[in-house]
């Protein structure tokens, strides 16, 4: 894992006693530690969500699900449903921060646009609730949960179930959202050259 010249110079300056308020904070230190994290895996037809809370020193899933939108619904109706459902989730579970899975490289422009719309509807609900939002790279999420950046969806789901002590395996989209929340909790507050990116 590399470190940029700017990051190296900042680290050297601080170690030499030139700290204070001048200059940026160390990479990763501006990612807040939270006891309750909302993870979101946006998609127009099946947006996954999951809230993970620290309880007695362990991560527990306090709620998760998939926001389903039938193929017969127009996109605008789906976007409204995603926004309203996440607004209700935020009110019920009161997470402190949101972690969203980063964008993947879509094979075509139309798919990318539709994914971006779903992501926008989700993030608007979170932003209106006043939460900070951080983006987690998909590969980093898989690495944090399954120990391998190229882990299959089913393997991620099994590890999420095991890590959170869930009796039944969550639906795939909900499992992905819970994995994002787990990965954020593992990364928060750490000194890292590749921390979650604030959105």
N, C-alpha and C. Protein backbone atom coordinates (compact mmCIF):
# COMPACT_ATOMS: atom_id res chain seq x y z
N UNK A 1 0.85 -1.18 0.00
CA UNK A 1 0.00 0.00 0.00
C UNK A 1 0.89 1.23 0.00
N UNK A 2 0.68 2.12 -0.96
CA UNK A 2 1.55 3.28 -1.09
C UNK A 2 1.08 4.48 -0.30
N UNK A 3 1.94 5.45 -0.22
CA UNK A 3 1.61 6.71 0.44
C UNK A 3 2.11 7.83 -0.46
N UNK A 4 1.29 8.88 -0.63
CA UNK A 4 1.68 9.96 -1.53
C UNK A 4 2.77 10.82 -0.91
N UNK A 5 3.43 11.60 -1.74
CA UNK A 5 4.48 12.52 -1.26
C UNK A 5 3.90 13.51 -0.27
N UNK A 6 2.70 14.03 -0.58
CA UNK A 6 2.06 14.99 0.32
C UNK A 6 1.77 14.37 1.69
N UNK A 7 1.27 13.13 1.69
CA UNK A 7 0.97 12.44 2.95
C UNK A 7 2.25 12.18 3.74
N UNK A 8 3.33 11.82 3.03
CA UNK A 8 4.60 11.57 3.70
C UNK A 8 5.13 12.84 4.34
N UNK A 9 5.08 13.96 3.61
CA UNK A 9 5.57 15.23 4.13
C UNK A 9 4.76 15.69 5.34
N UNK A 10 3.45 15.49 5.27
CA UNK A 10 2.58 15.87 6.39
C UNK A 10 2.91 15.02 7.62
N UNK A 11 3.11 13.74 7.43
CA UNK A 11 3.45 12.84 8.52
C UNK A 11 4.80 13.23 9.14
N UNK A 12 5.77 13.52 8.30
CA UNK A 12 7.10 13.91 8.78
C UNK A 12 7.04 15.23 9.56
N UNK A 13 6.22 16.19 9.04
CA UNK A 13 6.08 17.48 9.71
C UNK A 13 5.48 17.31 11.11
N UNK A 14 4.47 16.49 11.21
CA UNK A 14 3.81 16.29 12.51
C UNK A 14 4.71 15.56 13.51
N UNK A 15 5.46 14.59 13.00
CA UNK A 15 6.35 13.85 13.89
C UNK A 15 7.48 14.73 14.40
N UNK A 16 7.80 15.76 13.61
CA UNK A 16 8.86 16.68 14.01
C UNK A 16 8.36 17.76 14.97
N UNK A 17 7.07 17.67 15.32
CA UNK A 17 6.52 18.63 16.28
C UNK A 17 5.87 19.83 15.65
N UNK A 18 5.65 19.77 14.36
CA UNK A 18 5.01 20.89 13.68
C UNK A 18 3.53 20.71 13.53
N UNK A 19 2.88 20.13 14.55
CA UNK A 19 1.44 19.85 14.49
C UNK A 19 0.62 21.10 14.54
N UNK A 20 -0.42 21.07 15.33
CA UNK A 20 -1.30 22.23 15.42
C UNK A 20 -2.42 22.14 14.42
N UNK A 21 -3.06 23.27 14.20
CA UNK A 21 -4.22 23.29 13.33
C UNK A 21 -3.87 23.50 11.87
N UNK A 22 -2.63 23.81 11.57
CA UNK A 22 -2.25 24.08 10.19
C UNK A 22 -2.18 22.79 9.40
N UNK A 23 -2.62 22.86 8.15
CA UNK A 23 -2.51 21.71 7.26
C UNK A 23 -3.59 20.68 7.51
N UNK A 24 -3.71 19.71 6.60
CA UNK A 24 -4.75 18.69 6.72
C UNK A 24 -4.45 17.69 7.83
N UNK A 25 -5.50 17.05 8.31
CA UNK A 25 -5.31 16.01 9.32
C UNK A 25 -4.72 14.78 8.64
N UNK A 26 -4.19 13.88 9.46
CA UNK A 26 -3.62 12.66 8.90
C UNK A 26 -4.70 11.86 8.20
N UNK A 27 -4.35 11.18 7.11
CA UNK A 27 -5.35 10.44 6.36
C UNK A 27 -6.03 9.37 7.21
N UNK A 28 -7.36 9.41 7.22
CA UNK A 28 -8.14 8.45 7.99
C UNK A 28 -8.58 8.97 9.33
N UNK A 29 -7.93 10.00 9.85
CA UNK A 29 -8.28 10.52 11.17
C UNK A 29 -9.52 11.41 11.14
N UNK A 30 -9.98 11.81 9.95
CA UNK A 30 -11.20 12.60 9.87
C UNK A 30 -12.42 11.73 9.62
N UNK A 31 -12.25 10.41 9.72
CA UNK A 31 -13.36 9.46 9.58
C UNK A 31 -13.85 9.12 10.99
N UNK A 32 -15.03 9.62 11.38
CA UNK A 32 -15.46 9.49 12.76
C UNK A 32 -15.82 8.06 13.17
N UNK A 33 -15.47 7.73 14.41
CA UNK A 33 -15.89 6.46 15.00
C UNK A 33 -17.35 6.61 15.40
N UNK A 34 -18.17 5.63 15.09
CA UNK A 34 -19.60 5.69 15.40
C UNK A 34 -20.06 4.37 16.00
N UNK A 35 -21.02 4.45 16.91
CA UNK A 35 -21.54 3.23 17.53
C UNK A 35 -22.72 2.67 16.74
N UNK A 36 -23.23 3.43 15.77
CA UNK A 36 -24.33 2.94 14.92
C UNK A 36 -24.12 3.47 13.51
N UNK A 37 -24.01 2.56 12.55
CA UNK A 37 -23.71 2.92 11.16
C UNK A 37 -24.78 2.36 10.23
N UNK A 38 -25.27 3.21 9.34
CA UNK A 38 -26.18 2.77 8.28
C UNK A 38 -25.35 2.46 7.04
N UNK A 39 -25.43 1.24 6.56
CA UNK A 39 -24.79 0.86 5.31
C UNK A 39 -25.83 0.83 4.21
N UNK A 40 -25.47 1.32 3.02
CA UNK A 40 -26.40 1.36 1.88
C UNK A 40 -25.72 0.81 0.64
N UNK A 41 -26.45 -0.07 -0.07
CA UNK A 41 -26.00 -0.61 -1.35
C UNK A 41 -27.05 -0.22 -2.39
N UNK A 42 -26.86 0.92 -3.06
CA UNK A 42 -27.93 1.47 -3.91
C UNK A 42 -28.15 0.70 -5.21
N UNK A 43 -29.43 0.57 -5.57
CA UNK A 43 -29.84 -0.02 -6.84
C UNK A 43 -31.29 0.38 -7.08
N UNK A 44 -31.66 0.59 -8.32
CA UNK A 44 -33.02 1.06 -8.60
C UNK A 44 -34.07 0.04 -8.18
N UNK A 45 -33.85 -1.23 -8.46
CA UNK A 45 -34.86 -2.26 -8.19
C UNK A 45 -34.68 -2.97 -6.85
N UNK A 46 -33.51 -2.83 -6.24
CA UNK A 46 -33.29 -3.50 -4.96
C UNK A 46 -32.18 -2.83 -4.17
N UNK A 47 -32.50 -1.72 -3.49
CA UNK A 47 -31.50 -1.03 -2.66
C UNK A 47 -31.41 -1.73 -1.31
N UNK A 48 -30.21 -2.19 -0.99
CA UNK A 48 -30.00 -2.84 0.31
C UNK A 48 -29.65 -1.82 1.37
N UNK A 49 -30.12 -2.06 2.58
CA UNK A 49 -29.76 -1.21 3.72
C UNK A 49 -29.55 -2.09 4.95
N UNK A 50 -28.71 -1.61 5.85
CA UNK A 50 -28.46 -2.35 7.08
C UNK A 50 -27.87 -1.42 8.13
N UNK A 51 -28.36 -1.53 9.35
CA UNK A 51 -27.84 -0.74 10.46
C UNK A 51 -27.09 -1.66 11.41
N UNK A 52 -25.84 -1.33 11.65
CA UNK A 52 -24.98 -2.11 12.56
C UNK A 52 -24.67 -1.23 13.76
N UNK A 53 -24.84 -1.81 14.94
CA UNK A 53 -24.61 -1.07 16.19
C UNK A 53 -23.63 -1.86 17.06
N UNK A 54 -22.75 -1.12 17.74
CA UNK A 54 -21.85 -1.75 18.72
C UNK A 54 -22.62 -1.99 20.01
N UNK A 55 -22.70 -3.24 20.44
CA UNK A 55 -23.39 -3.60 21.68
C UNK A 55 -22.50 -4.53 22.47
N UNK A 56 -22.14 -4.09 23.68
CA UNK A 56 -21.26 -4.89 24.54
C UNK A 56 -19.97 -5.29 23.83
N UNK A 57 -19.42 -4.36 23.07
CA UNK A 57 -18.15 -4.60 22.40
C UNK A 57 -18.23 -5.43 21.14
N UNK A 58 -19.45 -5.77 20.70
CA UNK A 58 -19.61 -6.58 19.48
C UNK A 58 -20.51 -5.87 18.50
N UNK A 59 -20.29 -6.11 17.22
CA UNK A 59 -21.16 -5.55 16.19
C UNK A 59 -22.41 -6.40 16.06
N UNK A 60 -23.55 -5.75 16.05
CA UNK A 60 -24.84 -6.43 15.90
C UNK A 60 -25.68 -5.73 14.84
N UNK A 61 -26.41 -6.50 14.06
CA UNK A 61 -27.36 -5.93 13.10
C UNK A 61 -28.65 -5.63 13.84
N UNK A 62 -29.05 -4.37 13.84
CA UNK A 62 -30.29 -3.99 14.53
C UNK A 62 -31.44 -3.82 13.54
N UNK A 63 -31.12 -3.86 12.26
CA UNK A 63 -32.14 -3.78 11.23
C UNK A 63 -31.51 -3.88 9.86
N UNK A 64 -32.21 -4.53 8.94
CA UNK A 64 -31.71 -4.63 7.56
C UNK A 64 -32.86 -5.01 6.65
N UNK A 65 -32.68 -4.73 5.37
CA UNK A 65 -33.72 -5.07 4.41
C UNK A 65 -33.35 -4.65 3.01
N UNK A 66 -34.28 -4.90 2.10
CA UNK A 66 -34.11 -4.55 0.70
C UNK A 66 -35.31 -3.72 0.26
N UNK A 67 -35.05 -2.57 -0.31
CA UNK A 67 -36.11 -1.70 -0.81
C UNK A 67 -36.41 -2.14 -2.23
N UNK A 68 -37.50 -2.87 -2.40
CA UNK A 68 -37.83 -3.44 -3.70
C UNK A 68 -38.75 -2.52 -4.51
N UNK A 69 -38.45 -2.44 -5.79
CA UNK A 69 -39.26 -1.67 -6.72
C UNK A 69 -39.53 -2.55 -7.94
N UNK A 70 -40.79 -2.94 -8.15
CA UNK A 70 -41.13 -3.82 -9.28
C UNK A 70 -40.73 -3.22 -10.63
N UNK A 71 -40.49 -4.08 -11.59
CA UNK A 71 -40.10 -3.64 -12.92
C UNK A 71 -41.19 -2.81 -13.59
N UNK A 72 -42.43 -2.97 -13.14
CA UNK A 72 -43.55 -2.22 -13.71
C UNK A 72 -43.57 -0.75 -13.26
N UNK A 73 -42.83 -0.44 -12.17
CA UNK A 73 -42.81 0.94 -11.67
C UNK A 73 -41.91 1.82 -12.54
N UNK A 74 -42.35 3.06 -12.75
CA UNK A 74 -41.49 4.03 -13.43
C UNK A 74 -40.34 4.41 -12.51
N UNK A 75 -39.26 4.88 -13.11
CA UNK A 75 -38.06 5.21 -12.32
C UNK A 75 -38.37 6.25 -11.25
N UNK A 76 -39.17 7.25 -11.59
CA UNK A 76 -39.47 8.30 -10.62
C UNK A 76 -40.17 7.75 -9.38
N UNK A 77 -41.04 6.77 -9.57
CA UNK A 77 -41.73 6.16 -8.43
C UNK A 77 -40.73 5.38 -7.57
N UNK A 78 -39.81 4.68 -8.21
CA UNK A 78 -38.78 3.93 -7.49
C UNK A 78 -37.92 4.87 -6.64
N UNK A 79 -37.51 5.99 -7.23
CA UNK A 79 -36.64 6.93 -6.52
C UNK A 79 -37.34 7.50 -5.30
N UNK A 80 -38.63 7.81 -5.44
CA UNK A 80 -39.40 8.30 -4.31
C UNK A 80 -39.52 7.24 -3.21
N UNK A 81 -39.72 6.00 -3.62
CA UNK A 81 -39.85 4.90 -2.65
C UNK A 81 -38.54 4.67 -1.89
N UNK A 82 -37.43 4.73 -2.60
CA UNK A 82 -36.12 4.57 -1.95
C UNK A 82 -35.92 5.67 -0.92
N UNK A 83 -36.21 6.90 -1.31
CA UNK A 83 -36.03 8.05 -0.42
C UNK A 83 -36.91 7.93 0.82
N UNK A 84 -38.19 7.62 0.64
CA UNK A 84 -39.12 7.54 1.76
C UNK A 84 -38.77 6.40 2.71
N UNK A 85 -38.39 5.25 2.15
CA UNK A 85 -38.07 4.10 3.00
C UNK A 85 -36.83 4.36 3.84
N UNK A 86 -35.81 4.93 3.24
CA UNK A 86 -34.60 5.23 4.00
C UNK A 86 -34.86 6.31 5.05
N UNK A 87 -35.73 7.24 4.75
CA UNK A 87 -36.10 8.27 5.73
C UNK A 87 -36.73 7.60 6.96
N UNK A 88 -37.58 6.59 6.73
CA UNK A 88 -38.20 5.86 7.84
C UNK A 88 -37.17 5.06 8.62
N UNK A 89 -36.23 4.45 7.91
CA UNK A 89 -35.15 3.68 8.55
C UNK A 89 -34.32 4.59 9.46
N UNK A 90 -34.01 5.78 8.97
CA UNK A 90 -33.22 6.74 9.74
C UNK A 90 -33.95 7.16 11.01
N UNK A 91 -35.24 7.37 10.91
CA UNK A 91 -36.02 7.75 12.09
C UNK A 91 -36.10 6.62 13.11
N UNK A 92 -36.25 5.41 12.63
CA UNK A 92 -36.41 4.26 13.54
C UNK A 92 -35.12 3.88 14.24
N UNK A 93 -34.00 3.85 13.50
CA UNK A 93 -32.76 3.30 14.05
C UNK A 93 -31.74 4.36 14.48
N UNK A 94 -31.92 5.61 14.08
CA UNK A 94 -31.05 6.73 14.47
C UNK A 94 -29.56 6.42 14.36
N UNK A 95 -29.07 6.02 13.17
CA UNK A 95 -27.62 5.82 13.01
C UNK A 95 -26.88 7.15 13.11
N UNK A 96 -25.59 7.07 13.37
CA UNK A 96 -24.78 8.28 13.56
C UNK A 96 -24.05 8.70 12.29
N UNK A 97 -23.85 7.76 11.40
CA UNK A 97 -23.11 8.02 10.16
C UNK A 97 -23.60 7.03 9.11
N UNK A 98 -23.40 7.37 7.84
CA UNK A 98 -23.80 6.48 6.75
C UNK A 98 -22.58 6.10 5.92
N UNK A 99 -22.52 4.83 5.55
CA UNK A 99 -21.48 4.35 4.64
C UNK A 99 -22.17 3.77 3.41
N UNK A 100 -21.74 4.18 2.24
CA UNK A 100 -22.36 3.73 1.00
C UNK A 100 -21.31 3.04 0.14
N UNK A 101 -21.74 1.99 -0.55
CA UNK A 101 -20.80 1.29 -1.42
C UNK A 101 -20.46 2.18 -2.60
N UNK A 102 -19.19 2.24 -2.95
CA UNK A 102 -18.73 3.06 -4.06
C UNK A 102 -19.26 2.57 -5.39
N UNK A 103 -19.22 3.45 -6.37
CA UNK A 103 -19.70 3.12 -7.70
C UNK A 103 -18.78 2.11 -8.37
N UNK A 104 -19.39 1.18 -9.06
CA UNK A 104 -18.60 0.24 -9.85
C UNK A 104 -18.57 0.73 -11.29
N UNK A 105 -17.75 0.11 -12.12
CA UNK A 105 -17.65 0.53 -13.52
C UNK A 105 -18.73 -0.19 -14.31
N UNK A 106 -19.82 0.53 -14.62
CA UNK A 106 -20.93 -0.05 -15.37
C UNK A 106 -20.51 -0.34 -16.82
N UNK A 107 -21.12 -1.36 -17.38
CA UNK A 107 -20.76 -1.75 -18.75
C UNK A 107 -21.37 -0.80 -19.78
N UNK A 108 -22.45 -0.11 -19.41
CA UNK A 108 -23.02 0.86 -20.36
C UNK A 108 -23.48 2.10 -19.63
N UNK A 109 -23.63 3.18 -20.38
CA UNK A 109 -23.95 4.48 -19.81
C UNK A 109 -25.33 4.49 -19.16
N UNK A 110 -26.30 3.83 -19.77
CA UNK A 110 -27.66 3.81 -19.23
C UNK A 110 -27.68 3.19 -17.83
N UNK A 111 -26.98 2.08 -17.67
CA UNK A 111 -26.91 1.43 -16.36
C UNK A 111 -26.28 2.35 -15.34
N UNK A 112 -25.20 3.03 -15.73
CA UNK A 112 -24.52 3.94 -14.81
C UNK A 112 -25.43 5.08 -14.39
N UNK A 113 -26.21 5.62 -15.33
CA UNK A 113 -27.12 6.71 -15.01
C UNK A 113 -28.22 6.27 -14.04
N UNK A 114 -28.78 5.10 -14.29
CA UNK A 114 -29.84 4.60 -13.43
C UNK A 114 -29.31 4.33 -12.02
N UNK A 115 -28.12 3.74 -11.94
CA UNK A 115 -27.50 3.51 -10.63
C UNK A 115 -27.24 4.83 -9.91
N UNK A 116 -26.80 5.83 -10.67
CA UNK A 116 -26.54 7.14 -10.08
C UNK A 116 -27.81 7.78 -9.54
N UNK A 117 -28.93 7.58 -10.22
CA UNK A 117 -30.21 8.12 -9.75
C UNK A 117 -30.61 7.47 -8.42
N UNK A 118 -30.48 6.16 -8.34
CA UNK A 118 -30.83 5.44 -7.11
C UNK A 118 -29.93 5.88 -5.96
N UNK A 119 -28.66 6.02 -6.25
CA UNK A 119 -27.71 6.47 -5.24
C UNK A 119 -28.06 7.89 -4.77
N UNK A 120 -28.44 8.76 -5.70
CA UNK A 120 -28.83 10.12 -5.36
C UNK A 120 -30.05 10.17 -4.46
N UNK A 121 -31.05 9.34 -4.76
CA UNK A 121 -32.26 9.30 -3.93
C UNK A 121 -31.93 8.85 -2.51
N UNK A 122 -31.05 7.86 -2.40
CA UNK A 122 -30.65 7.36 -1.08
C UNK A 122 -29.86 8.40 -0.31
N UNK A 123 -28.88 9.01 -0.97
CA UNK A 123 -28.02 9.97 -0.29
C UNK A 123 -28.77 11.25 0.09
N UNK A 124 -29.79 11.61 -0.70
CA UNK A 124 -30.58 12.79 -0.35
C UNK A 124 -31.31 12.57 0.98
N UNK A 125 -31.85 11.37 1.18
CA UNK A 125 -32.54 11.07 2.44
C UNK A 125 -31.57 11.15 3.61
N UNK A 126 -30.37 10.62 3.43
CA UNK A 126 -29.37 10.62 4.49
C UNK A 126 -28.89 12.04 4.78
N UNK A 127 -28.65 12.81 3.72
CA UNK A 127 -28.17 14.18 3.90
C UNK A 127 -29.20 15.04 4.62
N UNK A 128 -30.47 14.87 4.29
CA UNK A 128 -31.53 15.65 4.94
C UNK A 128 -31.66 15.31 6.42
N UNK A 129 -31.21 14.11 6.80
CA UNK A 129 -31.21 13.71 8.21
C UNK A 129 -30.00 14.26 8.95
N UNK A 130 -29.07 14.87 8.21
CA UNK A 130 -27.90 15.50 8.83
C UNK A 130 -26.72 14.59 9.07
N UNK A 131 -26.72 13.39 8.47
CA UNK A 131 -25.62 12.46 8.69
C UNK A 131 -24.48 12.71 7.71
N UNK A 132 -23.27 12.46 8.17
CA UNK A 132 -22.13 12.44 7.26
C UNK A 132 -22.18 11.14 6.46
N UNK A 133 -21.73 11.21 5.21
CA UNK A 133 -21.74 10.04 4.33
C UNK A 133 -20.33 9.75 3.87
N UNK A 134 -19.93 8.48 3.95
CA UNK A 134 -18.61 8.05 3.51
C UNK A 134 -18.76 6.92 2.51
N UNK A 135 -17.90 6.94 1.51
CA UNK A 135 -17.94 5.93 0.45
C UNK A 135 -16.87 4.87 0.69
N UNK A 136 -17.28 3.62 0.56
CA UNK A 136 -16.36 2.49 0.72
C UNK A 136 -16.20 1.79 -0.63
N UNK A 137 -14.98 1.56 -1.03
CA UNK A 137 -14.73 0.85 -2.29
C UNK A 137 -15.22 -0.60 -2.17
N UNK A 138 -15.92 -1.12 -3.20
CA UNK A 138 -16.44 -2.49 -3.14
C UNK A 138 -15.39 -3.53 -2.80
N UNK A 139 -14.21 -3.40 -3.38
CA UNK A 139 -13.14 -4.38 -3.11
C UNK A 139 -12.70 -4.32 -1.65
N UNK A 140 -12.65 -3.12 -1.09
CA UNK A 140 -12.24 -2.95 0.30
C UNK A 140 -13.28 -3.55 1.25
N UNK A 141 -14.55 -3.41 0.88
CA UNK A 141 -15.63 -3.99 1.69
C UNK A 141 -15.49 -5.51 1.73
N UNK A 142 -15.29 -6.12 0.58
CA UNK A 142 -15.15 -7.58 0.52
C UNK A 142 -13.92 -8.05 1.29
N UNK A 143 -12.85 -7.30 1.19
CA UNK A 143 -11.62 -7.65 1.92
C UNK A 143 -11.85 -7.60 3.43
N UNK A 144 -12.56 -6.57 3.89
CA UNK A 144 -12.80 -6.40 5.32
C UNK A 144 -13.69 -7.50 5.90
N UNK A 145 -14.66 -7.94 5.11
CA UNK A 145 -15.64 -8.90 5.61
C UNK A 145 -15.25 -10.35 5.34
N UNK A 146 -14.79 -10.62 4.10
CA UNK A 146 -14.52 -11.99 3.70
C UNK A 146 -13.04 -12.32 3.62
N UNK A 147 -12.17 -11.30 3.76
CA UNK A 147 -10.73 -11.55 3.72
C UNK A 147 -10.16 -11.65 2.32
N UNK A 148 -11.01 -11.37 1.31
CA UNK A 148 -10.56 -11.45 -0.08
C UNK A 148 -11.31 -10.41 -0.89
N UNK A 149 -10.59 -9.55 -1.61
CA UNK A 149 -11.20 -8.47 -2.37
C UNK A 149 -12.05 -8.91 -3.53
N UNK A 150 -11.91 -10.18 -3.95
CA UNK A 150 -12.70 -10.69 -5.06
C UNK A 150 -13.73 -11.70 -4.61
N UNK A 151 -14.11 -11.67 -3.33
CA UNK A 151 -15.05 -12.65 -2.78
C UNK A 151 -16.39 -12.60 -3.50
N UNK A 152 -17.01 -13.77 -3.66
CA UNK A 152 -18.32 -13.86 -4.30
C UNK A 152 -19.40 -13.33 -3.36
N UNK A 153 -20.53 -12.94 -3.93
CA UNK A 153 -21.64 -12.37 -3.17
C UNK A 153 -22.11 -13.32 -2.08
N UNK A 154 -22.20 -14.61 -2.41
CA UNK A 154 -22.68 -15.60 -1.43
C UNK A 154 -21.71 -15.70 -0.25
N UNK A 155 -20.41 -15.64 -0.53
CA UNK A 155 -19.42 -15.71 0.53
C UNK A 155 -19.48 -14.50 1.45
N UNK A 156 -19.72 -13.33 0.88
CA UNK A 156 -19.87 -12.11 1.68
C UNK A 156 -21.08 -12.26 2.60
N UNK A 157 -22.19 -12.76 2.05
CA UNK A 157 -23.41 -12.95 2.84
C UNK A 157 -23.20 -13.88 4.02
N UNK A 158 -22.50 -14.98 3.79
CA UNK A 158 -22.24 -15.94 4.89
C UNK A 158 -21.39 -15.31 5.98
N UNK A 159 -20.38 -14.55 5.58
CA UNK A 159 -19.51 -13.91 6.58
C UNK A 159 -20.24 -12.82 7.34
N UNK A 160 -21.10 -12.09 6.68
CA UNK A 160 -21.91 -11.07 7.36
C UNK A 160 -22.79 -11.73 8.41
N UNK A 161 -23.43 -12.83 8.03
CA UNK A 161 -24.28 -13.56 8.97
C UNK A 161 -23.49 -14.01 10.19
N UNK A 162 -22.30 -14.50 9.94
CA UNK A 162 -21.45 -15.01 11.02
C UNK A 162 -20.93 -13.88 11.92
N UNK A 163 -20.44 -12.80 11.30
CA UNK A 163 -19.87 -11.69 12.07
C UNK A 163 -20.89 -10.99 12.94
N UNK A 164 -22.14 -10.91 12.45
CA UNK A 164 -23.17 -10.18 13.17
C UNK A 164 -24.09 -11.08 14.01
N UNK A 165 -23.86 -12.38 13.93
CA UNK A 165 -24.67 -13.31 14.73
C UNK A 165 -26.13 -13.33 14.31
N UNK A 166 -26.38 -13.25 13.00
CA UNK A 166 -27.76 -13.26 12.50
C UNK A 166 -28.21 -14.70 12.31
N UNK A 167 -29.42 -15.01 12.76
CA UNK A 167 -29.93 -16.38 12.68
C UNK A 167 -30.11 -16.85 11.24
N UNK A 168 -30.70 -16.01 10.41
CA UNK A 168 -30.92 -16.36 9.02
C UNK A 168 -30.09 -15.46 8.11
N UNK A 169 -29.62 -16.02 7.02
CA UNK A 169 -28.80 -15.23 6.09
C UNK A 169 -29.61 -14.08 5.52
N UNK A 170 -29.09 -12.86 5.54
CA UNK A 170 -29.82 -11.72 4.96
C UNK A 170 -29.91 -11.88 3.44
N UNK A 171 -30.88 -11.19 2.85
CA UNK A 171 -30.98 -11.17 1.40
C UNK A 171 -29.69 -10.55 0.84
N UNK A 172 -29.29 -10.92 -0.38
CA UNK A 172 -28.00 -10.47 -0.92
C UNK A 172 -27.76 -8.96 -0.86
N UNK A 173 -28.75 -8.16 -1.25
CA UNK A 173 -28.54 -6.70 -1.24
C UNK A 173 -28.42 -6.16 0.18
N UNK A 174 -29.21 -6.72 1.10
CA UNK A 174 -29.11 -6.30 2.50
C UNK A 174 -27.77 -6.74 3.09
N UNK A 175 -27.31 -7.94 2.71
CA UNK A 175 -26.01 -8.43 3.19
C UNK A 175 -24.88 -7.52 2.72
N UNK A 176 -24.97 -7.06 1.48
CA UNK A 176 -23.96 -6.14 0.96
C UNK A 176 -23.95 -4.83 1.74
N UNK A 177 -25.15 -4.33 2.08
CA UNK A 177 -25.24 -3.09 2.84
C UNK A 177 -24.67 -3.27 4.25
N UNK A 178 -24.96 -4.39 4.88
CA UNK A 178 -24.40 -4.68 6.21
C UNK A 178 -22.88 -4.80 6.13
N UNK A 179 -22.39 -5.38 5.04
CA UNK A 179 -20.94 -5.51 4.85
C UNK A 179 -20.28 -4.14 4.75
N UNK A 180 -20.95 -3.19 4.10
CA UNK A 180 -20.42 -1.83 3.99
C UNK A 180 -20.33 -1.20 5.38
N UNK A 181 -21.36 -1.39 6.20
CA UNK A 181 -21.35 -0.84 7.56
C UNK A 181 -20.25 -1.47 8.40
N UNK A 182 -20.06 -2.78 8.28
CA UNK A 182 -19.00 -3.48 9.01
C UNK A 182 -17.63 -2.93 8.61
N UNK A 183 -17.42 -2.80 7.30
CA UNK A 183 -16.13 -2.31 6.80
C UNK A 183 -15.86 -0.90 7.31
N UNK A 184 -16.90 -0.07 7.34
CA UNK A 184 -16.71 1.30 7.85
C UNK A 184 -16.29 1.26 9.32
N UNK A 185 -16.97 0.46 10.11
CA UNK A 185 -16.65 0.39 11.55
C UNK A 185 -15.21 -0.07 11.78
N UNK A 186 -14.74 -0.97 10.92
CA UNK A 186 -13.37 -1.45 11.05
C UNK A 186 -12.35 -0.37 10.67
N UNK A 187 -12.73 0.51 9.74
CA UNK A 187 -11.82 1.53 9.24
C UNK A 187 -11.84 2.83 10.04
N UNK A 188 -12.96 3.14 10.68
CA UNK A 188 -13.16 4.44 11.31
C UNK A 188 -12.09 4.74 12.36
N UNK A 189 -11.50 5.92 12.25
CA UNK A 189 -10.51 6.37 13.22
C UNK A 189 -9.11 5.85 13.01
N UNK A 190 -8.94 4.94 12.07
CA UNK A 190 -7.60 4.39 11.82
C UNK A 190 -6.78 5.33 10.95
N UNK A 191 -5.48 5.29 11.16
CA UNK A 191 -4.56 5.98 10.26
C UNK A 191 -4.43 5.12 9.01
N UNK A 192 -4.82 5.67 7.88
CA UNK A 192 -4.85 4.88 6.65
C UNK A 192 -4.45 5.75 5.47
N UNK A 193 -3.77 5.14 4.52
CA UNK A 193 -3.43 5.87 3.30
C UNK A 193 -4.59 5.85 2.31
N UNK A 194 -5.60 5.02 2.59
CA UNK A 194 -6.75 4.93 1.70
C UNK A 194 -8.04 4.85 2.52
N UNK A 195 -8.36 5.92 3.28
CA UNK A 195 -9.52 5.89 4.16
C UNK A 195 -10.82 6.01 3.37
N UNK A 196 -11.97 5.71 4.01
CA UNK A 196 -13.25 5.97 3.35
C UNK A 196 -13.33 7.42 2.92
N UNK A 197 -13.89 7.65 1.74
CA UNK A 197 -13.95 9.01 1.19
C UNK A 197 -15.27 9.68 1.57
N UNK A 198 -15.17 10.89 2.10
CA UNK A 198 -16.38 11.62 2.47
C UNK A 198 -17.09 12.10 1.21
N UNK A 199 -18.41 11.87 1.16
CA UNK A 199 -19.21 12.23 0.00
C UNK A 199 -19.87 13.57 0.24
